[in-house]
Amino acid sequence: MKSRWLGLGLSVLLGIGMGTTAARAQEHHDHDRFDDHDRAAARDWYKDHHDAFHHDEGRYWHSAWEPNIHEGFVLTPEMRRAWRPVPHDLLVRLGPCPPGYRYVVIGDHVVLVDSGWRIHDVLHFELNF
């Protein structure tokens, strides 16, 4: 009887431990897409930073690029030279990317790209915010 209770207790502890690990992974936002939390955080940040993104024609943006800013597109060499870092205070709100990914700004978009420059998700500040 004692071993049965001990086994039950260990099973409960193991289940709690696994649930905590899953919650901790979710807490770190280690994912390859923006979720509702990310979009809400970006929207809140953008309320006080409307002029943070400039998409005038020039070195950092060409309007011809707009149709290409979507999931699955691989940034061209010219687009790769035009990216800028995500503002630090927004980056903190978004949390870390998975290994091999990074956030970049191109035009008025925050883009999640992998090491091959393939877009996995986009925050369109001109549309969503």
C-alpha atoms as a PDB file:
ATOM      1  CA  MET A   1       0.000   0.000   0.000  1.00  0.00           C
ATOM      2  CA  LYS A   2       2.826   2.337   0.902  1.00  0.00           C
ATOM      3  CA  SER A   3       4.515   1.819  -2.487  1.00  0.00           C
ATOM      4  CA  ARG A   4       1.235   2.539  -4.281  1.00  0.00           C
ATOM      5  CA  TRP A   5       0.964   5.966  -2.545  1.00  0.00           C
ATOM      6  CA  LEU A   6       4.615   6.660  -3.230  1.00  0.00           C
ATOM      7  CA  GLY A   7       4.109   5.855  -6.934  1.00  0.00           C
ATOM      8  CA  LEU A   8       1.028   8.052  -7.084  1.00  0.00           C
ATOM      9  CA  GLY A   9       2.876  10.908  -5.385  1.00  0.00           C
ATOM     10  CA  LEU A  10       5.802  10.639  -7.793  1.00  0.00           C
ATOM     11  CA  SER A  11       3.418  10.599 -10.764  1.00  0.00           C
ATOM     12  CA  VAL A  12       1.732  13.771  -9.532  1.00  0.00           C
ATOM     13  CA  LEU A  13       5.078  15.509  -9.013  1.00  0.00           C
ATOM     14  CA  LEU A  14       6.284  14.432 -12.445  1.00  0.00           C
ATOM     15  CA  GLY A  15       3.073  15.758 -14.034  1.00  0.00           C
ATOM     16  CA  ILE A  16       3.420  19.089 -12.237  1.00  0.00           C
ATOM     17  CA  GLY A  17       7.070  19.331 -13.296  1.00  0.00           C
ATOM     18  CA  MET A  18       6.232  18.690 -16.943  1.00  0.00           C
ATOM     19  CA  GLY A  19       3.441  21.282 -16.841  1.00  0.00           C
ATOM     20  CA  THR A  20       5.822  23.832 -15.356  1.00  0.00           C
ATOM     21  CA  THR A  21       8.363  23.138 -18.108  1.00  0.00           C
ATOM     22  CA  ALA A  22       5.732  23.666 -20.804  1.00  0.00           C
ATOM     23  CA  ALA A  23       4.567  26.884 -19.157  1.00  0.00           C
ATOM     24  CA  ARG A  24       8.149  28.107 -18.867  1.00  0.00           C
ATOM     25  CA  ALA A  25       8.770  27.444 -22.578  1.00  0.00           C
ATOM     26  CA  GLN A  26       5.620  29.412 -23.443  1.00  0.00           C
ATOM     27  CA  GLU A  27       6.712  32.209 -21.112  1.00  0.00           C
ATOM     28  CA  HIS A  28       9.951  32.637 -23.071  1.00  0.00           C
ATOM     29  CA  HIS A  29       8.073  33.022 -26.390  1.00  0.00           C
ATOM     30  CA  ASP A  30      10.428  30.621 -28.110  1.00  0.00           C
ATOM     31  CA  HIS A  31       8.299  30.295 -31.247  1.00  0.00           C
ATOM     32  CA  ASP A  32       8.551  30.932 -34.968  1.00  0.00           C
ATOM     33  CA  ARG A  33       5.355  33.020 -35.317  1.00  0.00           C
ATOM     34  CA  PHE A  34       3.983  36.091 -33.618  1.00  0.00           C
ATOM     35  CA  ASP A  35       1.174  35.222 -31.222  1.00  0.00           C
ATOM     36  CA  ASP A  36      -1.623  37.326 -29.731  1.00  0.00           C
ATOM     37  CA  HIS A  37       0.651  38.378 -26.862  1.00  0.00           C
ATOM     38  CA  ASP A  38       3.301  39.634 -29.315  1.00  0.00           C
ATOM     39  CA  ARG A  39       0.730  41.553 -31.384  1.00  0.00           C
ATOM     40  CA  ALA A  40      -0.773  43.157 -28.262  1.00  0.00           C
ATOM     41  CA  ALA A  41       2.691  44.098 -26.965  1.00  0.00           C
ATOM     42  CA  ALA A  42       3.617  45.619 -30.342  1.00  0.00           C
ATOM     43  CA  ARG A  43       0.321  47.516 -30.518  1.00  0.00           C
ATOM     44  CA  ASP A  44       0.875  48.934 -27.011  1.00  0.00           C
ATOM     45  CA  TRP A  45       4.437  49.917 -27.875  1.00  0.00           C
ATOM     46  CA  TYR A  46       3.382  51.554 -31.145  1.00  0.00           C
ATOM     47  CA  LYS A  47       0.890  53.869 -29.395  1.00  0.00           C
ATOM     48  CA  ASP A  48       3.872  55.909 -28.137  1.00  0.00           C
ATOM     49  CA  HIS A  49       6.191  55.338 -31.123  1.00  0.00           C
ATOM     50  CA  HIS A  50       4.235  56.206 -34.283  1.00  0.00           C
ATOM     51  CA  ASP A  51       7.289  57.774 -35.886  1.00  0.00           C
ATOM     52  CA  ALA A  52       9.616  54.841 -35.170  1.00  0.00           C
ATOM     53  CA  PHE A  53       9.287  53.400 -38.660  1.00  0.00           C
ATOM     54  CA  HIS A  54       9.952  55.392 -41.793  1.00  0.00           C
ATOM     55  CA  HIS A  55       9.044  53.902 -45.104  1.00  0.00           C
ATOM     56  CA  ASP A  56      10.030  56.684 -47.471  1.00  0.00           C
ATOM     57  CA  GLU A  57      11.521  55.566 -50.762  1.00  0.00           C
ATOM     58  CA  GLY A  58      15.271  55.272 -50.458  1.00  0.00           C
ATOM     59  CA  ARG A  59      17.981  53.096 -49.015  1.00  0.00           C
ATOM     60  CA  TYR A  60      15.772  51.357 -46.464  1.00  0.00           C
ATOM     61  CA  TRP A  61      12.568  50.918 -48.433  1.00  0.00           C
ATOM     62  CA  HIS A  62      11.183  50.591 -51.948  1.00  0.00           C
ATOM     63  CA  SER A  63       7.423  50.411 -52.435  1.00  0.00           C
ATOM     64  CA  ALA A  64       7.965  47.585 -54.947  1.00  0.00           C
ATOM     65  CA  TRP A  65       8.949  45.400 -51.975  1.00  0.00           C
ATOM     66  CA  GLU A  66       5.558  45.684 -50.252  1.00  0.00           C
ATOM     67  CA  PRO A  67       3.882  42.693 -51.976  1.00  0.00           C
ATOM     68  CA  ASN A  68       6.824  40.500 -50.962  1.00  0.00           C
ATOM     69  CA  ILE A  69       6.601  41.116 -47.233  1.00  0.00           C
ATOM     70  CA  HIS A  70       4.733  37.929 -46.337  1.00  0.00           C
ATOM     71  CA  GLU A  71       5.305  34.508 -44.835  1.00  0.00           C
ATOM     72  CA  GLY A  72       7.477  32.256 -46.985  1.00  0.00           C
ATOM     73  CA  PHE A  73       9.193  34.981 -49.025  1.00  0.00           C
ATOM     74  CA  VAL A  74      13.006  34.977 -48.943  1.00  0.00           C
ATOM     75  CA  LEU A  75      14.425  38.488 -48.676  1.00  0.00           C
ATOM     76  CA  THR A  76      16.442  39.507 -51.724  1.00  0.00           C
ATOM     77  CA  PRO A  77      20.079  40.606 -51.331  1.00  0.00           C
ATOM     78  CA  GLU A  78      18.990  44.244 -51.746  1.00  0.00           C
ATOM     79  CA  MET A  79      16.356  43.841 -49.011  1.00  0.00           C
ATOM     80  CA  ARG A  80      18.924  42.164 -46.755  1.00  0.00           C
ATOM     81  CA  ARG A  81      21.095  45.271 -46.987  1.00  0.00           C
ATOM     82  CA  ALA A  82      18.147  47.491 -46.062  1.00  0.00           C
ATOM     83  CA  TRP A  83      17.038  45.930 -42.776  1.00  0.00           C
ATOM     84  CA  ARG A  84      17.430  47.754 -39.483  1.00  0.00           C
ATOM     85  CA  PRO A  85      17.411  46.453 -35.925  1.00  0.00           C
ATOM     86  CA  VAL A  86      14.176  46.334 -33.961  1.00  0.00           C
ATOM     87  CA  PRO A  87      14.043  49.118 -31.351  1.00  0.00           C
ATOM     88  CA  HIS A  88      15.295  47.721 -28.053  1.00  0.00           C
ATOM     89  CA  ASP A  89      12.183  48.524 -26.032  1.00  0.00           C
ATOM     90  CA  LEU A  90      10.005  46.704 -28.580  1.00  0.00           C
ATOM     91  CA  LEU A  91      12.439  43.793 -28.719  1.00  0.00           C
ATOM     92  CA  VAL A  92      12.159  43.362 -24.956  1.00  0.00           C
ATOM     93  CA  ARG A  93       8.369  43.166 -25.233  1.00  0.00           C
ATOM     94  CA  LEU A  94       8.528  40.541 -27.978  1.00  0.00           C
ATOM     95  CA  GLY A  95      10.962  38.291 -26.158  1.00  0.00           C
ATOM     96  CA  PRO A  96      13.635  36.058 -27.632  1.00  0.00           C
ATOM     97  CA  CYS A  97      13.429  34.353 -31.017  1.00  0.00           C
ATOM     98  CA  PRO A  98      14.114  30.650 -31.452  1.00  0.00           C
ATOM     99  CA  PRO A  99      17.724  29.715 -32.257  1.00  0.00           C
ATOM    100  CA  GLY A 100      18.518  30.557 -35.875  1.00  0.00           C
ATOM    101  CA  TYR A 101      15.831  33.282 -36.121  1.00  0.00           C
ATOM    102  CA  ARG A 102      15.888  37.047 -35.678  1.00  0.00           C
ATOM    103  CA  TYR A 103      13.607  40.052 -35.781  1.00  0.00           C
ATOM    104  CA  VAL A 104      14.407  42.766 -38.327  1.00  0.00           C
ATOM    105  CA  VAL A 105      12.726  45.979 -39.413  1.00  0.00           C
ATOM    106  CA  ILE A 106      12.159  46.566 -43.094  1.00  0.00           C
ATOM    107  CA  GLY A 107      10.046  49.566 -44.025  1.00  0.00           C
ATOM    108  CA  ASP A 108       7.333  49.724 -41.393  1.00  0.00           C
ATOM    109  CA  HIS A 109       7.288  45.990 -40.764  1.00  0.00           C
ATOM    110  CA  VAL A 110       8.840  43.894 -38.039  1.00  0.00           C
ATOM    111  CA  VAL A 111       9.752  40.620 -39.683  1.00  0.00           C
ATOM    112  CA  LEU A 112      10.735  37.296 -38.126  1.00  0.00           C
ATOM    113  CA  VAL A 113      13.277  35.642 -40.429  1.00  0.00           C
ATOM    114  CA  ASP A 114      15.332  32.481 -40.216  1.00  0.00           C
ATOM    115  CA  SER A 115      19.044  32.174 -40.970  1.00  0.00           C
ATOM    116  CA  GLY A 116      18.242  31.798 -44.689  1.00  0.00           C
ATOM    117  CA  TRP A 117      16.300  35.121 -44.666  1.00  0.00           C
ATOM    118  CA  ARG A 118      12.938  33.344 -45.145  1.00  0.00           C
ATOM    119  CA  ILE A 119      10.064  35.289 -43.582  1.00  0.00           C
ATOM    120  CA  HIS A 120       8.139  33.317 -40.967  1.00  0.00           C
ATOM    121  CA  ASP A 121       5.823  36.094 -39.800  1.00  0.00           C
ATOM    122  CA  VAL A 122       5.276  39.844 -40.090  1.00  0.00           C
ATOM    123  CA  LEU A 123       3.915  42.631 -37.940  1.00  0.00           C
ATOM    124  CA  HIS A 124       2.504  45.170 -40.420  1.00  0.00           C
ATOM    125  CA  PHE A 125       2.509  48.401 -38.441  1.00  0.00           C
ATOM    126  CA  GLU A 126       0.805  50.358 -41.202  1.00  0.00           C
ATOM    127  CA  LEU A 127      -2.119  47.888 -41.306  1.00  0.00           C
ATOM    128  CA  ASN A 128      -2.644  46.382 -37.874  1.00  0.00           C
ATOM    129  CA  PHE A 129      -1.861  49.259 -35.593  1.00  0.00           C
END
